Amino acid sequence: MEKISCPICRKDFDQHDERQTNLCLEKFTNVATNPVVYSSTKKIICPVCEKDMLDHNQYLAMECVNKFIKQVKGKSD
């Protein structure tokens, strides 16, 4: 089974409890969809397409965020 690495804390999602998973997904969503506000934070690489999140337009960012959330939530079920 493929391990999914958290783009926020860099740990595998297997090491997250439900609360930590939700916190990291929320932060990832905020960083990915609001690059101007969060641009001073560390560089985030998209876990779906492996490109810098700052290279995403708004549509692509939302698409990748949604795919990643489905991937993580599907694995935790």
PDB file of N, CA and C in Angstrom:
ATOM      1  N   MET A   1       0.844  -1.185   0.000  1.00  0.00           N
ATOM      2  CA  MET A   1       0.000   0.000   0.000  1.00  0.00           C
ATOM      3  C   MET A   1       0.891   1.251   0.000  1.00  0.00           C
ATOM      4  N   GLU A   2       0.567   2.196  -0.831  1.00  0.00           N
ATOM      5  CA  GLU A   2       1.353   3.423  -0.960  1.00  0.00           C
ATOM      6  C   GLU A   2       1.139   4.338   0.245  1.00  0.00           C
ATOM      7  N   LYS A   3       2.254   4.842   0.782  1.00  0.00           N
ATOM      8  CA  LYS A   3       2.161   5.784   1.900  1.00  0.00           C
ATOM      9  C   LYS A   3       1.936   7.179   1.340  1.00  0.00           C
ATOM     10  N   ILE A   4       1.108   7.940   2.022  1.00  0.00           N
ATOM     11  CA  ILE A   4       0.819   9.309   1.614  1.00  0.00           C
ATOM     12  C   ILE A   4       1.518  10.232   2.592  1.00  0.00           C
ATOM     13  N   SER A   5       2.382  11.068   2.068  1.00  0.00           N
ATOM     14  CA  SER A   5       3.137  11.999   2.900  1.00  0.00           C
ATOM     15  C   SER A   5       2.379  13.317   3.033  1.00  0.00           C
ATOM     16  N   CYS A   6       2.358  13.842   4.244  1.00  0.00           N
ATOM     17  CA  CYS A   6       1.678  15.108   4.509  1.00  0.00           C
ATOM     18  C   CYS A   6       2.520  16.268   3.977  1.00  0.00           C
ATOM     19  N   PRO A   7       1.956  17.121   3.132  1.00  0.00           N
ATOM     20  CA  PRO A   7       2.716  18.253   2.598  1.00  0.00           C
ATOM     21  C   PRO A   7       2.966  19.352   3.634  1.00  0.00           C
ATOM     22  N   ILE A   8       2.297  19.303   4.761  1.00  0.00           N
ATOM     23  CA  ILE A   8       2.442  20.329   5.794  1.00  0.00           C
ATOM     24  C   ILE A   8       3.509  19.945   6.810  1.00  0.00           C
ATOM     25  N   CYS A   9       3.377  18.774   7.430  1.00  0.00           N
ATOM     26  CA  CYS A   9       4.318  18.382   8.492  1.00  0.00           C
ATOM     27  C   CYS A   9       5.339  17.356   8.024  1.00  0.00           C
ATOM     28  N   ARG A  10       5.223  16.880   6.810  1.00  0.00           N
ATOM     29  CA  ARG A  10       6.158  15.947   6.182  1.00  0.00           C
ATOM     30  C   ARG A  10       6.144  14.534   6.778  1.00  0.00           C
ATOM     31  N   LYS A  11       5.185  14.224   7.646  1.00  0.00           N
ATOM     32  CA  LYS A  11       5.042  12.872   8.185  1.00  0.00           C
ATOM     33  C   LYS A  11       4.079  12.095   7.299  1.00  0.00           C
ATOM     34  N   ASP A  12       4.136  10.766   7.389  1.00  0.00           N
ATOM     35  CA  ASP A  12       3.153   9.949   6.686  1.00  0.00           C
ATOM     36  C   ASP A  12       1.802  10.101   7.366  1.00  0.00           C
ATOM     37  N   PHE A  13       0.737  10.046   6.578  1.00  0.00           N
ATOM     38  CA  PHE A  13      -0.598  10.158   7.167  1.00  0.00           C
ATOM     39  C   PHE A  13      -0.919   8.965   8.065  1.00  0.00           C
ATOM     40  N   ASP A  14      -0.179   7.860   7.932  1.00  0.00           N
ATOM     41  CA  ASP A  14      -0.352   6.728   8.840  1.00  0.00           C
ATOM     42  C   ASP A  14      -0.022   7.122  10.276  1.00  0.00           C
ATOM     43  N   GLN A  15       0.817   8.143  10.453  1.00  0.00           N
ATOM     44  CA  GLN A  15       1.233   8.596  11.780  1.00  0.00           C
ATOM     45  C   GLN A  15       0.298   9.665  12.342  1.00  0.00           C
ATOM     46  N   HIS A  16      -0.708  10.052  11.602  1.00  0.00           N
ATOM     47  CA  HIS A  16      -1.671  11.063  12.041  1.00  0.00           C
ATOM     48  C   HIS A  16      -2.886  10.389  12.669  1.00  0.00           C
ATOM     49  N   ASP A  17      -3.416  10.995  13.726  1.00  0.00           N
ATOM     50  CA  ASP A  17      -4.736  10.588  14.186  1.00  0.00           C
ATOM     51  C   ASP A  17      -5.754  11.421  13.392  1.00  0.00           C
ATOM     52  N   GLU A  18      -7.021  11.202  13.634  1.00  0.00           N
ATOM     53  CA  GLU A  18      -8.046  11.902  12.843  1.00  0.00           C
ATOM     54  C   GLU A  18      -7.956  13.417  13.010  1.00  0.00           C
ATOM     55  N   ARG A  19      -7.705  13.867  14.233  1.00  0.00           N
ATOM     56  CA  ARG A  19      -7.603  15.304  14.507  1.00  0.00           C
ATOM     57  C   ARG A  19      -6.432  15.920  13.740  1.00  0.00           C
ATOM     58  N   GLN A  20      -5.270  15.271  13.803  1.00  0.00           N
ATOM     59  CA  GLN A  20      -4.087  15.793  13.114  1.00  0.00           C
ATOM     60  C   GLN A  20      -4.294  15.778  11.601  1.00  0.00           C
ATOM     61  N   THR A  21      -4.931  14.741  11.087  1.00  0.00           N
ATOM     62  CA  THR A  21      -5.231  14.677   9.656  1.00  0.00           C
ATOM     63  C   THR A  21      -6.089  15.862   9.239  1.00  0.00           C
ATOM     64  N   ASN A  22      -7.134  16.132  10.006  1.00  0.00           N
ATOM     65  CA  ASN A  22      -8.022  17.252   9.677  1.00  0.00           C
ATOM     66  C   ASN A  22      -7.302  18.591   9.768  1.00  0.00           C
ATOM     67  N   LEU A  23      -6.447  18.769  10.783  1.00  0.00           N
ATOM     68  CA  LEU A  23      -5.696  20.023  10.910  1.00  0.00           C
ATOM     69  C   LEU A  23      -4.754  20.230   9.729  1.00  0.00           C
ATOM     70  N   CYS A  24      -4.031  19.180   9.349  1.00  0.00           N
ATOM     71  CA  CYS A  24      -3.097  19.300   8.226  1.00  0.00           C
ATOM     72  C   CYS A  24      -3.828  19.523   6.906  1.00  0.00           C
ATOM     73  N   LEU A  25      -4.946  18.835   6.701  1.00  0.00           N
ATOM     74  CA  LEU A  25      -5.716  19.042   5.471  1.00  0.00           C
ATOM     75  C   LEU A  25      -6.278  20.459   5.407  1.00  0.00           C
ATOM     76  N   GLU A  26      -6.733  20.973   6.543  1.00  0.00           N
ATOM     77  CA  GLU A  26      -7.251  22.343   6.571  1.00  0.00           C
ATOM     78  C   GLU A  26      -6.140  23.348   6.255  1.00  0.00           C
ATOM     79  N   LYS A  27      -4.973  23.153   6.855  1.00  0.00           N
ATOM     80  CA  LYS A  27      -3.864  24.073   6.591  1.00  0.00           C
ATOM     81  C   LYS A  27      -3.411  23.967   5.133  1.00  0.00           C
ATOM     82  N   PHE A  28      -3.336  22.740   4.603  1.00  0.00           N
ATOM     83  CA  PHE A  28      -2.949  22.555   3.209  1.00  0.00           C
ATOM     84  C   PHE A  28      -3.942  23.247   2.278  1.00  0.00           C
ATOM     85  N   THR A  29      -5.223  23.113   2.561  1.00  0.00           N
ATOM     86  CA  THR A  29      -6.249  23.770   1.749  1.00  0.00           C
ATOM     87  C   THR A  29      -6.079  25.282   1.789  1.00  0.00           C
ATOM     88  N   ASN A  30      -5.840  25.830   2.963  1.00  0.00           N
ATOM     89  CA  ASN A  30      -5.641  27.281   3.089  1.00  0.00           C
ATOM     90  C   ASN A  30      -4.412  27.749   2.322  1.00  0.00           C
ATOM     91  N   VAL A  31      -3.303  27.047   2.484  1.00  0.00           N
ATOM     92  CA  VAL A  31      -2.057  27.436   1.807  1.00  0.00           C
ATOM     93  C   VAL A  31      -2.201  27.299   0.294  1.00  0.00           C
ATOM     94  N   ALA A  32      -2.821  26.213  -0.155  1.00  0.00           N
ATOM     95  CA  ALA A  32      -2.936  25.948  -1.590  1.00  0.00           C
ATOM     96  C   ALA A  32      -3.889  26.905  -2.292  1.00  0.00           C
ATOM     97  N   THR A  33      -4.939  27.324  -1.608  1.00  0.00           N
ATOM     98  CA  THR A  33      -5.946  28.159  -2.263  1.00  0.00           C
ATOM     99  C   THR A  33      -5.769  29.650  -1.992  1.00  0.00           C
ATOM    100  N   ASN A  34      -4.866  30.026  -1.104  1.00  0.00           N
ATOM    101  CA  ASN A  34      -4.598  31.435  -0.795  1.00  0.00           C
ATOM    102  C   ASN A  34      -3.097  31.711  -0.842  1.00  0.00           C
ATOM    103  N   PRO A  35      -2.472  31.571  -1.996  1.00  0.00           N
ATOM    104  CA  PRO A  35      -1.012  31.691  -2.061  1.00  0.00           C
ATOM    105  C   PRO A  35      -0.484  33.072  -1.685  1.00  0.00           C
ATOM    106  N   VAL A  36      -1.247  34.112  -1.894  1.00  0.00           N
ATOM    107  CA  VAL A  36      -0.782  35.460  -1.550  1.00  0.00           C
ATOM    108  C   VAL A  36      -0.689  35.615  -0.036  1.00  0.00           C
ATOM    109  N   VAL A  37      -1.676  35.137   0.671  1.00  0.00           N
ATOM    110  CA  VAL A  37      -1.713  35.250   2.127  1.00  0.00           C
ATOM    111  C   VAL A  37      -0.626  34.397   2.768  1.00  0.00           C
ATOM    112  N   TYR A  38      -0.408  33.195   2.238  1.00  0.00           N
ATOM    113  CA  TYR A  38       0.516  32.248   2.853  1.00  0.00           C
ATOM    114  C   TYR A  38       1.857  32.156   2.130  1.00  0.00           C
ATOM    115  N   SER A  39       2.182  33.107   1.283  1.00  0.00           N
ATOM    116  CA  SER A  39       3.411  33.013   0.492  1.00  0.00           C
ATOM    117  C   SER A  39       4.673  33.071   1.334  1.00  0.00           C
ATOM    118  N   SER A  40       4.583  33.620   2.544  1.00  0.00           N
ATOM    119  CA  SER A  40       5.767  33.698   3.390  1.00  0.00           C
ATOM    120  C   SER A  40       6.065  32.376   4.093  1.00  0.00           C
ATOM    121  N   THR A  41       5.141  31.430   4.040  1.00  0.00           N
ATOM    122  CA  THR A  41       5.390  30.133   4.654  1.00  0.00           C
ATOM    123  C   THR A  41       6.305  29.315   3.758  1.00  0.00           C
ATOM    124  N   LYS A  42       6.722  28.160   4.270  1.00  0.00           N
ATOM    125  CA  LYS A  42       7.634  27.326   3.493  1.00  0.00           C
ATOM    126  C   LYS A  42       6.996  26.865   2.181  1.00  0.00           C
ATOM    127  N   LYS A  43       7.839  26.548   1.240  1.00  0.00           N
ATOM    128  CA  LYS A  43       7.396  26.110  -0.079  1.00  0.00           C
ATOM    129  C   LYS A  43       6.625  24.795   0.046  1.00  0.00           C
ATOM    130  N   ILE A  44       5.467  24.737  -0.571  1.00  0.00           N
ATOM    131  CA  ILE A  44       4.631  23.537  -0.544  1.00  0.00           C
ATOM    132  C   ILE A  44       4.626  22.916  -1.941  1.00  0.00           C
ATOM    133  N   ILE A  45       4.992  21.649  -1.998  1.00  0.00           N
ATOM    134  CA  ILE A  45       4.954  20.901  -3.249  1.00  0.00           C
ATOM    135  C   ILE A  45       3.624  20.155  -3.302  1.00  0.00           C
ATOM    136  N   CYS A  46       2.955  20.272  -4.416  1.00  0.00           N
ATOM    137  CA  CYS A  46       1.658  19.620  -4.598  1.00  0.00           C
ATOM    138  C   CYS A  46       1.831  18.100  -4.514  1.00  0.00           C
ATOM    139  N   PRO A  47       1.106  17.441  -3.621  1.00  0.00           N
ATOM    140  CA  PRO A  47       1.227  15.990  -3.495  1.00  0.00           C
ATOM    141  C   PRO A  47       0.576  15.220  -4.647  1.00  0.00           C
ATOM    142  N   VAL A  48      -0.205  15.897  -5.463  1.00  0.00           N
ATOM    143  CA  VAL A  48      -0.879  15.234  -6.582  1.00  0.00           C
ATOM    144  C   VAL A  48      -0.017  15.286  -7.846  1.00  0.00           C
ATOM    145  N   CYS A  49       0.410  16.487  -8.234  1.00  0.00           N
ATOM    146  CA  CYS A  49       1.168  16.629  -9.486  1.00  0.00           C
ATOM    147  C   CYS A  49       2.649  16.937  -9.256  1.00  0.00           C
ATOM    148  N   GLU A  50       3.053  17.087  -7.995  1.00  0.00           N
ATOM    149  CA  GLU A  50       4.444  17.293  -7.591  1.00  0.00           C
ATOM    150  C   GLU A  50       5.077  18.561  -8.168  1.00  0.00           C
ATOM    151  N   LYS A  51       4.274  19.598  -8.358  1.00  0.00           N
ATOM    152  CA  LYS A  51       4.769  20.914  -8.766  1.00  0.00           C
ATOM    153  C   LYS A  51       4.618  21.865  -7.587  1.00  0.00           C
ATOM    154  N   ASP A  52       5.331  22.980  -7.628  1.00  0.00           N
ATOM    155  CA  ASP A  52       5.200  24.000  -6.589  1.00  0.00           C
ATOM    156  C   ASP A  52       3.764  24.523  -6.601  1.00  0.00           C
ATOM    157  N   MET A  53       3.157  24.652  -5.423  1.00  0.00           N
ATOM    158  CA  MET A  53       1.772  25.130  -5.351  1.00  0.00           C
ATOM    159  C   MET A  53       1.635  26.550  -5.890  1.00  0.00           C
ATOM    160  N   LEU A  54       2.694  27.343  -5.851  1.00  0.00           N
ATOM    161  CA  LEU A  54       2.627  28.705  -6.393  1.00  0.00           C
ATOM    162  C   LEU A  54       2.521  28.713  -7.916  1.00  0.00           C
ATOM    163  N   ASP A  55       2.848  27.581  -8.558  1.00  0.00           N
ATOM    164  CA  ASP A  55       2.729  27.476 -10.012  1.00  0.00           C
ATOM    165  C   ASP A  55       1.306  27.118 -10.456  1.00  0.00           C
ATOM    166  N   HIS A  56       0.425  26.857  -9.518  1.00  0.00           N
ATOM    167  CA  HIS A  56      -0.957  26.488  -9.827  1.00  0.00           C
ATOM    168  C   HIS A  56      -1.820  27.742  -9.978  1.00  0.00           C
ATOM    169  N   ASN A  57      -2.718  27.708 -10.968  1.00  0.00           N
ATOM    170  CA  ASN A  57      -3.753  28.743 -11.004  1.00  0.00           C
ATOM    171  C   ASN A  57      -4.865  28.311 -10.046  1.00  0.00           C
ATOM    172  N   GLN A  58      -5.867  29.134  -9.876  1.00  0.00           N
ATOM    173  CA  GLN A  58      -6.916  28.858  -8.898  1.00  0.00           C
ATOM    174  C   GLN A  58      -7.652  27.554  -9.205  1.00  0.00           C
ATOM    175  N   TYR A  59      -7.954  27.316 -10.468  1.00  0.00           N
ATOM    176  CA  TYR A  59      -8.676  26.103 -10.856  1.00  0.00           C
ATOM    177  C   TYR A  59      -7.845  24.853 -10.566  1.00  0.00           C
ATOM    178  N   LEU A  60      -6.579  24.864 -10.987  1.00  0.00           N
ATOM    179  CA  LEU A  60      -5.711  23.706 -10.784  1.00  0.00           C
ATOM    180  C   LEU A  60      -5.460  23.459  -9.301  1.00  0.00           C
ATOM    181  N   ALA A  61      -5.314  24.522  -8.521  1.00  0.00           N
ATOM    182  CA  ALA A  61      -5.114  24.371  -7.075  1.00  0.00           C
ATOM    183  C   ALA A  61      -6.305  23.658  -6.442  1.00  0.00           C
ATOM    184  N   MET A  62      -7.509  24.087  -6.776  1.00  0.00           N
ATOM    185  CA  MET A  62      -8.708  23.452  -6.210  1.00  0.00           C
ATOM    186  C   MET A  62      -8.840  22.000  -6.669  1.00  0.00           C
ATOM    187  N   GLU A  63      -8.513  21.745  -7.919  1.00  0.00           N
ATOM    188  CA  GLU A  63      -8.584  20.385  -8.446  1.00  0.00           C
ATOM    189  C   GLU A  63      -7.617  19.463  -7.694  1.00  0.00           C
ATOM    190  N   CYS A  64      -6.388  19.929  -7.500  1.00  0.00           N
ATOM    191  CA  CYS A  64      -5.388  19.122  -6.796  1.00  0.00           C
ATOM    192  C   CYS A  64      -5.742  18.952  -5.321  1.00  0.00           C
ATOM    193  N   VAL A  65      -6.229  20.002  -4.692  1.00  0.00           N
ATOM    194  CA  VAL A  65      -6.637  19.916  -3.284  1.00  0.00           C
ATOM    195  C   VAL A  65      -7.759  18.892  -3.130  1.00  0.00           C
ATOM    196  N   ASN A  66      -8.757  18.946  -3.982  1.00  0.00           N
ATOM    197  CA  ASN A  66      -9.875  17.999  -3.903  1.00  0.00           C
ATOM    198  C   ASN A  66      -9.418  16.559  -4.128  1.00  0.00           C
ATOM    199  N   LYS A  67      -8.534  16.339  -5.105  1.00  0.00           N
ATOM    200  CA  LYS A  67      -8.011  14.993  -5.359  1.00  0.00           C
ATOM    201  C   LYS A  67      -7.235  14.484  -4.148  1.00  0.00           C
ATOM    202  N   PHE A  68      -6.428  15.364  -3.554  1.00  0.00           N
ATOM    203  CA  PHE A  68      -5.618  14.961  -2.409  1.00  0.00           C
ATOM    204  C   PHE A  68      -6.490  14.627  -1.201  1.00  0.00           C
ATOM    205  N   ILE A  69      -7.501  15.427  -0.943  1.00  0.00           N
ATOM    206  CA  ILE A  69      -8.401  15.158   0.186  1.00  0.00           C
ATOM    207  C   ILE A  69      -9.112  13.821  -0.019  1.00  0.00           C
ATOM    208  N   LYS A  70      -9.588  13.551  -1.231  1.00  0.00           N
ATOM    209  CA  LYS A  70     -10.240  12.269  -1.513  1.00  0.00           C
ATOM    210  C   LYS A  70      -9.270  11.112  -1.314  1.00  0.00           C
ATOM    211  N   GLN A  71      -8.020  11.310  -1.739  1.00  0.00           N
ATOM    212  CA  GLN A  71      -6.998  10.280  -1.595  1.00  0.00           C
ATOM    213  C   GLN A  71      -6.741   9.980  -0.114  1.00  0.00           C
ATOM    214  N   VAL A  72      -6.594  11.022   0.695  1.00  0.00           N
ATOM    215  CA  VAL A  72      -6.307  10.849   2.123  1.00  0.00           C
ATOM    216  C   VAL A  72      -7.517  10.286   2.857  1.00  0.00           C
ATOM    217  N   LYS A  73      -8.685  10.857   2.624  1.00  0.00           N
ATOM    218  CA  LYS A  73      -9.898  10.401   3.307  1.00  0.00           C
ATOM    219  C   LYS A  73     -10.271   8.979   2.878  1.00  0.00           C
ATOM    220  N   GLY A  74     -10.026   8.645   1.631  1.00  0.00           N
ATOM    221  CA  GLY A  74     -10.304   7.293   1.160  1.00  0.00           C
ATOM    222  C   GLY A  74      -9.412   6.264   1.814  1.00  0.00           C
ATOM    223  N   LYS A  75      -8.188   6.635   2.098  1.00  0.00           N
ATOM    224  CA  LYS A  75      -7.244   5.727   2.741  1.00  0.00           C
ATOM    225  C   LYS A  75      -7.569   5.546   4.211  1.00  0.00           C
ATOM    226  N   SER A  76      -8.093   6.581   4.864  1.00  0.00           N
ATOM    227  CA  SER A  76      -8.363   6.503   6.302  1.00  0.00           C
ATOM    228  C   SER A  76      -9.647   5.744   6.622  1.00  0.00           C
ATOM    229  N   ASP A  77     -10.506   5.527   5.629  1.00  0.00           N
ATOM    230  CA  ASP A  77     -11.776   4.809   5.865  1.00  0.00           C
ATOM    231  C   ASP A  77     -11.537   3.328   6.052  1.00  0.00           C
TER     232      ASP A  77
END
